[in-house]
Amino acid sequence: MSLPEYITLNGTNYATAKLSAEAHAQVQNIQVVDVEIARLQQRLAIAQTARNAYSNALVTAVKGSASEVRAPEKKPRSPRKPKAKAE
């Protein structure tokens, strides 16, 4: 990977041509990590999209089967008998 002409650290621009060998190595390390982060973010987006599709398919399946099989309706309760008054 080639280095950019300038890098910005904490708001200060540095010319990469003037950096030490150690600093060059660290910039390259950061570039490698940035590429990996971008790859992982893309994989996460793919996984989230797949999860949403599976969730939508589940909702469709549940709605379809709910119309075919319904839970039995509860019988209404009979009215309560009034309690006898104590005298």
PDB file of N, CA and C in Angstrom:
ATOM      1  N   MET A   1       0.846  -1.176   0.000  1.00  0.00           N
ATOM      2  CA  MET A   1       0.000   0.000   0.000  1.00  0.00           C
ATOM      3  C   MET A   1       0.891   1.239   0.000  1.00  0.00           C
ATOM      4  N   SER A   2       0.537   2.170  -0.834  1.00  0.00           N
ATOM      5  CA  SER A   2       1.318   3.404  -0.843  1.00  0.00           C
ATOM      6  C   SER A   2       0.770   4.349   0.214  1.00  0.00           C
ATOM      7  N   LEU A   3       1.646   5.144   0.731  1.00  0.00           N
ATOM      8  CA  LEU A   3       1.239   6.088   1.766  1.00  0.00           C
ATOM      9  C   LEU A   3       0.680   7.349   1.123  1.00  0.00           C
ATOM     10  N   PRO A   4      -0.267   7.983   1.802  1.00  0.00           N
ATOM     11  CA  PRO A   4      -0.765   9.262   1.299  1.00  0.00           C
ATOM     12  C   PRO A   4       0.344  10.320   1.431  1.00  0.00           C
ATOM     13  N   GLU A   5       0.208  11.405   0.710  1.00  0.00           N
ATOM     14  CA  GLU A   5       1.229  12.458   0.767  1.00  0.00           C
ATOM     15  C   GLU A   5       1.282  13.090   2.160  1.00  0.00           C
ATOM     16  N   TYR A   6       0.104  13.243   2.769  1.00  0.00           N
ATOM     17  CA  TYR A   6       0.004  13.822   4.103  1.00  0.00           C
ATOM     18  C   TYR A   6      -0.896  12.947   4.963  1.00  0.00           C
ATOM     19  N   ILE A   7      -0.637  12.971   6.268  1.00  0.00           N
ATOM     20  CA  ILE A   7      -1.536  12.342   7.227  1.00  0.00           C
ATOM     21  C   ILE A   7      -1.890  13.389   8.275  1.00  0.00           C
ATOM     22  N   THR A   8      -3.048  13.229   8.874  1.00  0.00           N
ATOM     23  CA  THR A   8      -3.486  14.158   9.913  1.00  0.00           C
ATOM     24  C   THR A   8      -3.601  13.392  11.215  1.00  0.00           C
ATOM     25  N   LEU A   9      -2.895  13.886  12.232  1.00  0.00           N
ATOM     26  CA  LEU A   9      -2.936  13.289  13.570  1.00  0.00           C
ATOM     27  C   LEU A   9      -3.310  14.374  14.561  1.00  0.00           C
ATOM     28  N   ASN A  10      -4.415  14.166  15.247  1.00  0.00           N
ATOM     29  CA  ASN A  10      -4.893  15.118  16.251  1.00  0.00           C
ATOM     30  C   ASN A  10      -4.972  16.538  15.694  1.00  0.00           C
ATOM     31  N   GLY A  11      -5.438  16.658  14.443  1.00  0.00           N
ATOM     32  CA  GLY A  11      -5.634  17.967  13.845  1.00  0.00           C
ATOM     33  C   GLY A  11      -4.397  18.581  13.218  1.00  0.00           C
ATOM     34  N   THR A  12      -3.261  17.897  13.247  1.00  0.00           N
ATOM     35  CA  THR A  12      -2.028  18.416  12.654  1.00  0.00           C
ATOM     36  C   THR A  12      -1.657  17.584  11.440  1.00  0.00           C
ATOM     37  N   ASN A  13      -1.346  18.256  10.317  1.00  0.00           N
ATOM     38  CA  ASN A  13      -0.939  17.568   9.096  1.00  0.00           C
ATOM     39  C   ASN A  13       0.568  17.307   9.111  1.00  0.00           C
ATOM     40  N   TYR A  14       0.955  16.115   8.658  1.00  0.00           N
ATOM     41  CA  TYR A  14       2.366  15.736   8.550  1.00  0.00           C
ATOM     42  C   TYR A  14       2.640  15.224   7.143  1.00  0.00           C
ATOM     43  N   ALA A  15       3.761  15.623   6.568  1.00  0.00           N
ATOM     44  CA  ALA A  15       4.171  15.098   5.270  1.00  0.00           C
ATOM     45  C   ALA A  15       4.762  13.715   5.509  1.00  0.00           C
ATOM     46  N   THR A  16       4.230  12.714   4.820  1.00  0.00           N
ATOM     47  CA  THR A  16       4.711  11.347   5.059  1.00  0.00           C
ATOM     48  C   THR A  16       6.155  11.168   4.587  1.00  0.00           C
ATOM     49  N   ALA A  17       6.587  11.980   3.656  1.00  0.00           N
ATOM     50  CA  ALA A  17       7.971  11.879   3.171  1.00  0.00           C
ATOM     51  C   ALA A  17       8.980  12.216   4.277  1.00  0.00           C
ATOM     52  N   LYS A  18       8.548  12.978   5.262  1.00  0.00           N
ATOM     53  CA  LYS A  18       9.450  13.399   6.336  1.00  0.00           C
ATOM     54  C   LYS A  18       9.352  12.515   7.583  1.00  0.00           C
ATOM     55  N   LEU A  19       8.512  11.482   7.537  1.00  0.00           N
ATOM     56  CA  LEU A  19       8.336  10.621   8.708  1.00  0.00           C
ATOM     57  C   LEU A  19       9.473   9.612   8.818  1.00  0.00           C
ATOM     58  N   SER A  20       9.730   9.174  10.038  1.00  0.00           N
ATOM     59  CA  SER A  20      10.750   8.146  10.276  1.00  0.00           C
ATOM     60  C   SER A  20      10.267   6.804   9.738  1.00  0.00           C
ATOM     61  N   ALA A  21      11.174   5.846   9.681  1.00  0.00           N
ATOM     62  CA  ALA A  21      10.826   4.498   9.221  1.00  0.00           C
ATOM     63  C   ALA A  21       9.781   3.882  10.153  1.00  0.00           C
ATOM     64  N   GLU A  22       9.922   4.118  11.443  1.00  0.00           N
ATOM     65  CA  GLU A  22       8.950   3.607  12.422  1.00  0.00           C
ATOM     66  C   GLU A  22       7.570   4.215  12.183  1.00  0.00           C
ATOM     67  N   ALA A  23       7.537   5.523  11.927  1.00  0.00           N
ATOM     68  CA  ALA A  23       6.261   6.190  11.668  1.00  0.00           C
ATOM     69  C   ALA A  23       5.636   5.665  10.371  1.00  0.00           C
ATOM     70  N   HIS A  24       6.456   5.422   9.352  1.00  0.00           N
ATOM     71  CA  HIS A  24       5.956   4.845   8.092  1.00  0.00           C
ATOM     72  C   HIS A  24       5.298   3.489   8.367  1.00  0.00           C
ATOM     73  N   ALA A  25       5.949   2.683   9.184  1.00  0.00           N
ATOM     74  CA  ALA A  25       5.420   1.359   9.513  1.00  0.00           C
ATOM     75  C   ALA A  25       4.078   1.477  10.229  1.00  0.00           C
ATOM     76  N   GLN A  26       3.972   2.435  11.132  1.00  0.00           N
ATOM     77  CA  GLN A  26       2.724   2.609  11.872  1.00  0.00           C
ATOM     78  C   GLN A  26       1.599   3.098  10.957  1.00  0.00           C
ATOM     79  N   VAL A  27       1.920   3.971  10.013  1.00  0.00           N
ATOM     80  CA  VAL A  27       0.904   4.430   9.058  1.00  0.00           C
ATOM     81  C   VAL A  27       0.422   3.249   8.225  1.00  0.00           C
ATOM     82  N   GLN A  28       1.344   2.394   7.799  1.00  0.00           N
ATOM     83  CA  GLN A  28       0.956   1.211   7.033  1.00  0.00           C
ATOM     84  C   GLN A  28       0.091   0.274   7.874  1.00  0.00           C
ATOM     85  N   ASN A  29       0.434   0.115   9.146  1.00  0.00           N
ATOM     86  CA  ASN A  29      -0.387  -0.717  10.036  1.00  0.00           C
ATOM     87  C   ASN A  29      -1.806  -0.170  10.141  1.00  0.00           C
ATOM     88  N   ILE A  30      -1.913   1.133  10.262  1.00  0.00           N
ATOM     89  CA  ILE A  30      -3.231   1.763  10.353  1.00  0.00           C
ATOM     90  C   ILE A  30      -4.014   1.531   9.061  1.00  0.00           C
ATOM     91  N   GLN A  31      -3.346   1.623   7.920  1.00  0.00           N
ATOM     92  CA  GLN A  31      -4.020   1.390   6.646  1.00  0.00           C
ATOM     93  C   GLN A  31      -4.549  -0.043   6.561  1.00  0.00           C
ATOM     94  N   VAL A  32      -3.743  -1.002   6.999  1.00  0.00           N
ATOM     95  CA  VAL A  32      -4.163  -2.408   6.967  1.00  0.00           C
ATOM     96  C   VAL A  32      -5.378  -2.613   7.863  1.00  0.00           C
ATOM     97  N   VAL A  33      -5.340  -2.027   9.046  1.00  0.00           N
ATOM     98  CA  VAL A  33      -6.457  -2.166   9.980  1.00  0.00           C
ATOM     99  C   VAL A  33      -7.706  -1.481   9.433  1.00  0.00           C
ATOM    100  N   ASP A  34      -7.550  -0.319   8.802  1.00  0.00           N
ATOM    101  CA  ASP A  34      -8.704   0.366   8.213  1.00  0.00           C
ATOM    102  C   ASP A  34      -9.359  -0.483   7.126  1.00  0.00           C
ATOM    103  N   VAL A  35      -8.558  -1.167   6.318  1.00  0.00           N
ATOM    104  CA  VAL A  35      -9.101  -2.049   5.289  1.00  0.00           C
ATOM    105  C   VAL A  35      -9.878  -3.199   5.937  1.00  0.00           C
ATOM    106  N   GLU A  36      -9.327  -3.763   7.005  1.00  0.00           N
ATOM    107  CA  GLU A  36     -10.005  -4.868   7.701  1.00  0.00           C
ATOM    108  C   GLU A  36     -11.309  -4.397   8.340  1.00  0.00           C
ATOM    109  N   ILE A  37     -11.310  -3.217   8.923  1.00  0.00           N
ATOM    110  CA  ILE A  37     -12.537  -2.669   9.512  1.00  0.00           C
ATOM    111  C   ILE A  37     -13.601  -2.492   8.432  1.00  0.00           C
ATOM    112  N   ALA A  38     -13.228  -1.969   7.283  1.00  0.00           N
ATOM    113  CA  ALA A  38     -14.176  -1.796   6.187  1.00  0.00           C
ATOM    114  C   ALA A  38     -14.735  -3.149   5.733  1.00  0.00           C
ATOM    115  N   ARG A  39     -13.879  -4.166   5.660  1.00  0.00           N
ATOM    116  CA  ARG A  39     -14.327  -5.507   5.268  1.00  0.00           C
ATOM    117  C   ARG A  39     -15.318  -6.068   6.281  1.00  0.00           C
ATOM    118  N   LEU A  40     -15.012  -5.905   7.558  1.00  0.00           N
ATOM    119  CA  LEU A  40     -15.911  -6.397   8.603  1.00  0.00           C
ATOM    120  C   LEU A  40     -17.241  -5.649   8.608  1.00  0.00           C
ATOM    121  N   GLN A  41     -17.201  -4.339   8.356  1.00  0.00           N
ATOM    122  CA  GLN A  41     -18.443  -3.572   8.291  1.00  0.00           C
ATOM    123  C   GLN A  41     -19.314  -4.058   7.134  1.00  0.00           C
ATOM    124  N   GLN A  42     -18.675  -4.402   6.017  1.00  0.00           N
ATOM    125  CA  GLN A  42     -19.419  -4.920   4.880  1.00  0.00           C
ATOM    126  C   GLN A  42     -20.043  -6.272   5.210  1.00  0.00           C
ATOM    127  N   ARG A  43     -19.282  -7.134   5.877  1.00  0.00           N
ATOM    128  CA  ARG A  43     -19.819  -8.445   6.264  1.00  0.00           C
ATOM    129  C   ARG A  43     -20.972  -8.288   7.246  1.00  0.00           C
ATOM    130  N   LEU A  44     -20.846  -7.336   8.183  1.00  0.00           N
ATOM    131  CA  LEU A  44     -21.924  -7.078   9.136  1.00  0.00           C
ATOM    132  C   LEU A  44     -23.182  -6.605   8.402  1.00  0.00           C
ATOM    133  N   ALA A  45     -23.022  -5.736   7.423  1.00  0.00           N
ATOM    134  CA  ALA A  45     -24.173  -5.259   6.656  1.00  0.00           C
ATOM    135  C   ALA A  45     -24.849  -6.413   5.924  1.00  0.00           C
ATOM    136  N   ILE A  46     -24.058  -7.325   5.369  1.00  0.00           N
ATOM    137  CA  ILE A  46     -24.612  -8.491   4.686  1.00  0.00           C
ATOM    138  C   ILE A  46     -25.382  -9.362   5.673  1.00  0.00           C
ATOM    139  N   ALA A  47     -24.795  -9.594   6.844  1.00  0.00           N
ATOM    140  CA  ALA A  47     -25.452 -10.432   7.859  1.00  0.00           C
ATOM    141  C   ALA A  47     -26.749  -9.787   8.350  1.00  0.00           C
ATOM    142  N   GLN A  48     -26.741  -8.469   8.547  1.00  0.00           N
ATOM    143  CA  GLN A  48     -27.955  -7.787   9.005  1.00  0.00           C
ATOM    144  C   GLN A  48     -29.054  -7.843   7.947  1.00  0.00           C
ATOM    145  N   THR A  49     -28.661  -7.718   6.676  1.00  0.00           N
ATOM    146  CA  THR A  49     -29.633  -7.814   5.592  1.00  0.00           C
ATOM    147  C   THR A  49     -30.240  -9.211   5.542  1.00  0.00           C
ATOM    148  N   ALA A  50     -29.399 -10.226   5.694  1.00  0.00           N
ATOM    149  CA  ALA A  50     -29.895 -11.608   5.702  1.00  0.00           C
ATOM    150  C   ALA A  50     -30.830 -11.829   6.886  1.00  0.00           C
ATOM    151  N   ARG A  51     -30.477 -11.323   8.044  1.00  0.00           N
ATOM    152  CA  ARG A  51     -31.328 -11.492   9.225  1.00  0.00           C
ATOM    153  C   ARG A  51     -32.686 -10.846   9.007  1.00  0.00           C
ATOM    154  N   ASN A  52     -32.693  -9.646   8.423  1.00  0.00           N
ATOM    155  CA  ASN A  52     -33.962  -8.972   8.145  1.00  0.00           C
ATOM    156  C   ASN A  52     -34.810  -9.784   7.165  1.00  0.00           C
ATOM    157  N   ALA A  53     -34.162 -10.366   6.154  1.00  0.00           N
ATOM    158  CA  ALA A  53     -34.904 -11.183   5.187  1.00  0.00           C
ATOM    159  C   ALA A  53     -35.492 -12.413   5.865  1.00  0.00           C
ATOM    160  N   TYR A  54     -34.716 -13.074   6.724  1.00  0.00           N
ATOM    161  CA  TYR A  54     -35.227 -14.245   7.450  1.00  0.00           C
ATOM    162  C   TYR A  54     -36.373 -13.850   8.373  1.00  0.00           C
ATOM    163  N   SER A  55     -36.248 -12.706   9.017  1.00  0.00           N
ATOM    164  CA  SER A  55     -37.294 -12.232   9.917  1.00  0.00           C
ATOM    165  C   SER A  55     -38.580 -11.951   9.140  1.00  0.00           C
ATOM    166  N   ASN A  56     -38.448 -11.302   7.981  1.00  0.00           N
ATOM    167  CA  ASN A  56     -39.626 -11.024   7.154  1.00  0.00           C
ATOM    168  C   ASN A  56     -40.266 -12.324   6.666  1.00  0.00           C
ATOM    169  N   ALA A  57     -39.445 -13.303   6.307  1.00  0.00           N
ATOM    170  CA  ALA A  57     -39.981 -14.593   5.866  1.00  0.00           C
ATOM    171  C   ALA A  57     -40.711 -15.287   7.013  1.00  0.00           C
ATOM    172  N   LEU A  58     -40.180 -15.166   8.219  1.00  0.00           N
ATOM    173  CA  LEU A  58     -40.835 -15.759   9.387  1.00  0.00           C
ATOM    174  C   LEU A  58     -42.189 -15.109   9.637  1.00  0.00           C
ATOM    175  N   VAL A  59     -42.240 -13.796   9.564  1.00  0.00           N
ATOM    176  CA  VAL A  59     -43.510 -13.091   9.769  1.00  0.00           C
ATOM    177  C   VAL A  59     -44.533 -13.553   8.739  1.00  0.00           C
ATOM    178  N   THR A  60     -44.107 -13.666   7.483  1.00  0.00           N
ATOM    179  CA  THR A  60     -45.009 -14.127   6.423  1.00  0.00           C
ATOM    180  C   THR A  60     -45.486 -15.547   6.700  1.00  0.00           C
ATOM    181  N   ALA A  61     -44.573 -16.414   7.135  1.00  0.00           N
ATOM    182  CA  ALA A  61     -44.932 -17.805   7.421  1.00  0.00           C
ATOM    183  C   ALA A  61     -45.903 -17.891   8.594  1.00  0.00           C
ATOM    184  N   VAL A  62     -45.665 -17.100   9.620  1.00  0.00           N
ATOM    185  CA  VAL A  62     -46.538 -17.136  10.799  1.00  0.00           C
ATOM    186  C   VAL A  62     -47.923 -16.595  10.452  1.00  0.00           C
ATOM    187  N   LYS A  63     -47.976 -15.522   9.698  1.00  0.00           N
ATOM    188  CA  LYS A  63     -49.276 -14.972   9.304  1.00  0.00           C
ATOM    189  C   LYS A  63     -50.030 -15.948   8.433  1.00  0.00           C
ATOM    190  N   GLY A  64     -49.344 -16.647   7.531  1.00  0.00           N
ATOM    191  CA  GLY A  64     -49.985 -17.621   6.665  1.00  0.00           C
ATOM    192  C   GLY A  64     -50.523 -18.802   7.440  1.00  0.00           C
ATOM    193  N   SER A  65     -49.764 -19.302   8.401  1.00  0.00           N
ATOM    194  CA  SER A  65     -50.218 -20.458   9.170  1.00  0.00           C
ATOM    195  C   SER A  65     -51.251 -20.062  10.218  1.00  0.00           C
ATOM    196  N   ALA A  66     -51.242 -18.812  10.644  1.00  0.00           N
ATOM    197  CA  ALA A  66     -52.217 -18.365  11.647  1.00  0.00           C
ATOM    198  C   ALA A  66     -53.624 -18.375  11.072  1.00  0.00           C
ATOM    199  N   SER A  67     -53.755 -18.130   9.770  1.00  0.00           N
ATOM    200  CA  SER A  67     -55.089 -18.153   9.185  1.00  0.00           C
ATOM    201  C   SER A  67     -55.589 -19.586   9.010  1.00  0.00           C
ATOM    202  N   GLU A  68     -54.665 -20.531   8.926  1.00  0.00           N
ATOM    203  CA  GLU A  68     -55.049 -21.929   8.758  1.00  0.00           C
ATOM    204  C   GLU A  68     -55.390 -22.592  10.095  1.00  0.00           C
ATOM    205  N   VAL A  69     -54.646 -22.273  11.126  1.00  0.00           N
ATOM    206  CA  VAL A  69     -54.841 -22.905  12.432  1.00  0.00           C
ATOM    207  C   VAL A  69     -55.069 -21.802  13.454  1.00  0.00           C
ATOM    208  N   ARG A  70     -56.244 -21.777  14.000  1.00  0.00           N
ATOM    209  CA  ARG A  70     -56.534 -20.757  15.006  1.00  0.00           C
ATOM    210  C   ARG A  70     -56.649 -21.404  16.370  1.00  0.00           C
ATOM    211  N   ALA A  71     -56.258 -20.665  17.361  1.00  0.00           N
ATOM    212  CA  ALA A  71     -56.389 -21.156  18.728  1.00  0.00           C
ATOM    213  C   ALA A  71     -57.872 -21.209  19.081  1.00  0.00           C
ATOM    214  N   PRO A  72     -58.265 -22.212  19.866  1.00  0.00           N
ATOM    215  CA  PRO A  72     -59.686 -22.296  20.234  1.00  0.00           C
ATOM    216  C   PRO A  72     -60.095 -21.074  21.051  1.00  0.00           C
ATOM    217  N   GLU A  73     -61.304 -20.625  20.786  1.00  0.00           N
ATOM    218  CA  GLU A  73     -61.795 -19.461  21.511  1.00  0.00           C
ATOM    219  C   GLU A  73     -62.242 -19.887  22.902  1.00  0.00           C
ATOM    220  N   LYS A  74     -62.029 -19.017  23.864  1.00  0.00           N
ATOM    221  CA  LYS A  74     -62.444 -19.305  25.227  1.00  0.00           C
ATOM    222  C   LYS A  74     -63.943 -19.060  25.348  1.00  0.00           C
ATOM    223  N   LYS A  75     -64.576 -19.921  26.131  1.00  0.00           N
ATOM    224  CA  LYS A  75     -66.002 -19.731  26.390  1.00  0.00           C
ATOM    225  C   LYS A  75     -66.150 -18.572  27.360  1.00  0.00           C
ATOM    226  N   PRO A  76     -67.188 -17.770  27.188  1.00  0.00           N
ATOM    227  CA  PRO A  76     -67.374 -16.681  28.142  1.00  0.00           C
ATOM    228  C   PRO A  76     -67.723 -17.246  29.514  1.00  0.00           C
ATOM    229  N   ARG A  77     -67.284 -16.573  30.537  1.00  0.00           N
ATOM    230  CA  ARG A  77     -67.581 -17.009  31.906  1.00  0.00           C
ATOM    231  C   ARG A  77     -69.050 -16.786  32.209  1.00  0.00           C
ATOM    232  N   SER A  78     -69.580 -17.678  33.008  1.00  0.00           N
ATOM    233  CA  SER A  78     -70.953 -17.459  33.454  1.00  0.00           C
ATOM    234  C   SER A  78     -70.915 -16.408  34.558  1.00  0.00           C
ATOM    235  N   PRO A  79     -72.003 -15.664  34.694  1.00  0.00           N
ATOM    236  CA  PRO A  79     -72.004 -14.611  35.711  1.00  0.00           C
ATOM    237  C   PRO A  79     -71.827 -15.196  37.116  1.00  0.00           C
ATOM    238  N   ARG A  80     -71.194 -14.421  37.972  1.00  0.00           N
ATOM    239  CA  ARG A  80     -70.971 -14.873  39.344  1.00  0.00           C
ATOM    240  C   ARG A  80     -72.264 -14.792  40.137  1.00  0.00           C
ATOM    241  N   LYS A  81     -72.381 -15.717  41.038  1.00  0.00           N
ATOM    242  CA  LYS A  81     -73.554 -15.718  41.922  1.00  0.00           C
ATOM    243  C   LYS A  81     -73.276 -14.722  43.035  1.00  0.00           C
ATOM    244  N   PRO A  82     -74.276 -13.973  43.407  1.00  0.00           N
ATOM    245  CA  PRO A  82     -74.051 -13.012  44.514  1.00  0.00           C
ATOM    246  C   PRO A  82     -73.822 -13.760  45.813  1.00  0.00           C
ATOM    247  N   LYS A  83     -72.935 -13.200  46.638  1.00  0.00           N
ATOM    248  CA  LYS A  83     -72.640 -13.822  47.931  1.00  0.00           C
ATOM    249  C   LYS A  83     -73.791 -13.542  48.900  1.00  0.00           C
ATOM    250  N   ALA A  84     -74.015 -14.505  49.765  1.00  0.00           N
ATOM    251  CA  ALA A  84     -75.050 -14.337  50.792  1.00  0.00           C
ATOM    252  C   ALA A  84     -74.551 -13.326  51.816  1.00  0.00           C
ATOM    253  N   LYS A  85     -75.460 -12.459  52.243  1.00  0.00           N
ATOM    254  CA  LYS A  85     -75.075 -11.440  53.211  1.00  0.00           C
ATOM    255  C   LYS A  85     -75.045 -12.037  54.607  1.00  0.00           C
ATOM    256  N   ALA A  86     -74.020 -11.710  55.352  1.00  0.00           N
ATOM    257  CA  ALA A  86     -73.930 -12.188  56.728  1.00  0.00           C
ATOM    258  C   ALA A  86     -74.760 -11.286  57.611  1.00  0.00           C
ATOM    259  N   GLU A  87     -75.550 -11.898  58.493  1.00  0.00           N
ATOM    260  CA  GLU A  87     -76.396 -11.098  59.388  1.00  0.00           C
ATOM    261  C   GLU A  87     -75.919 -11.175  60.793  1.00  0.00           C
TER     262      GLU A  87
END
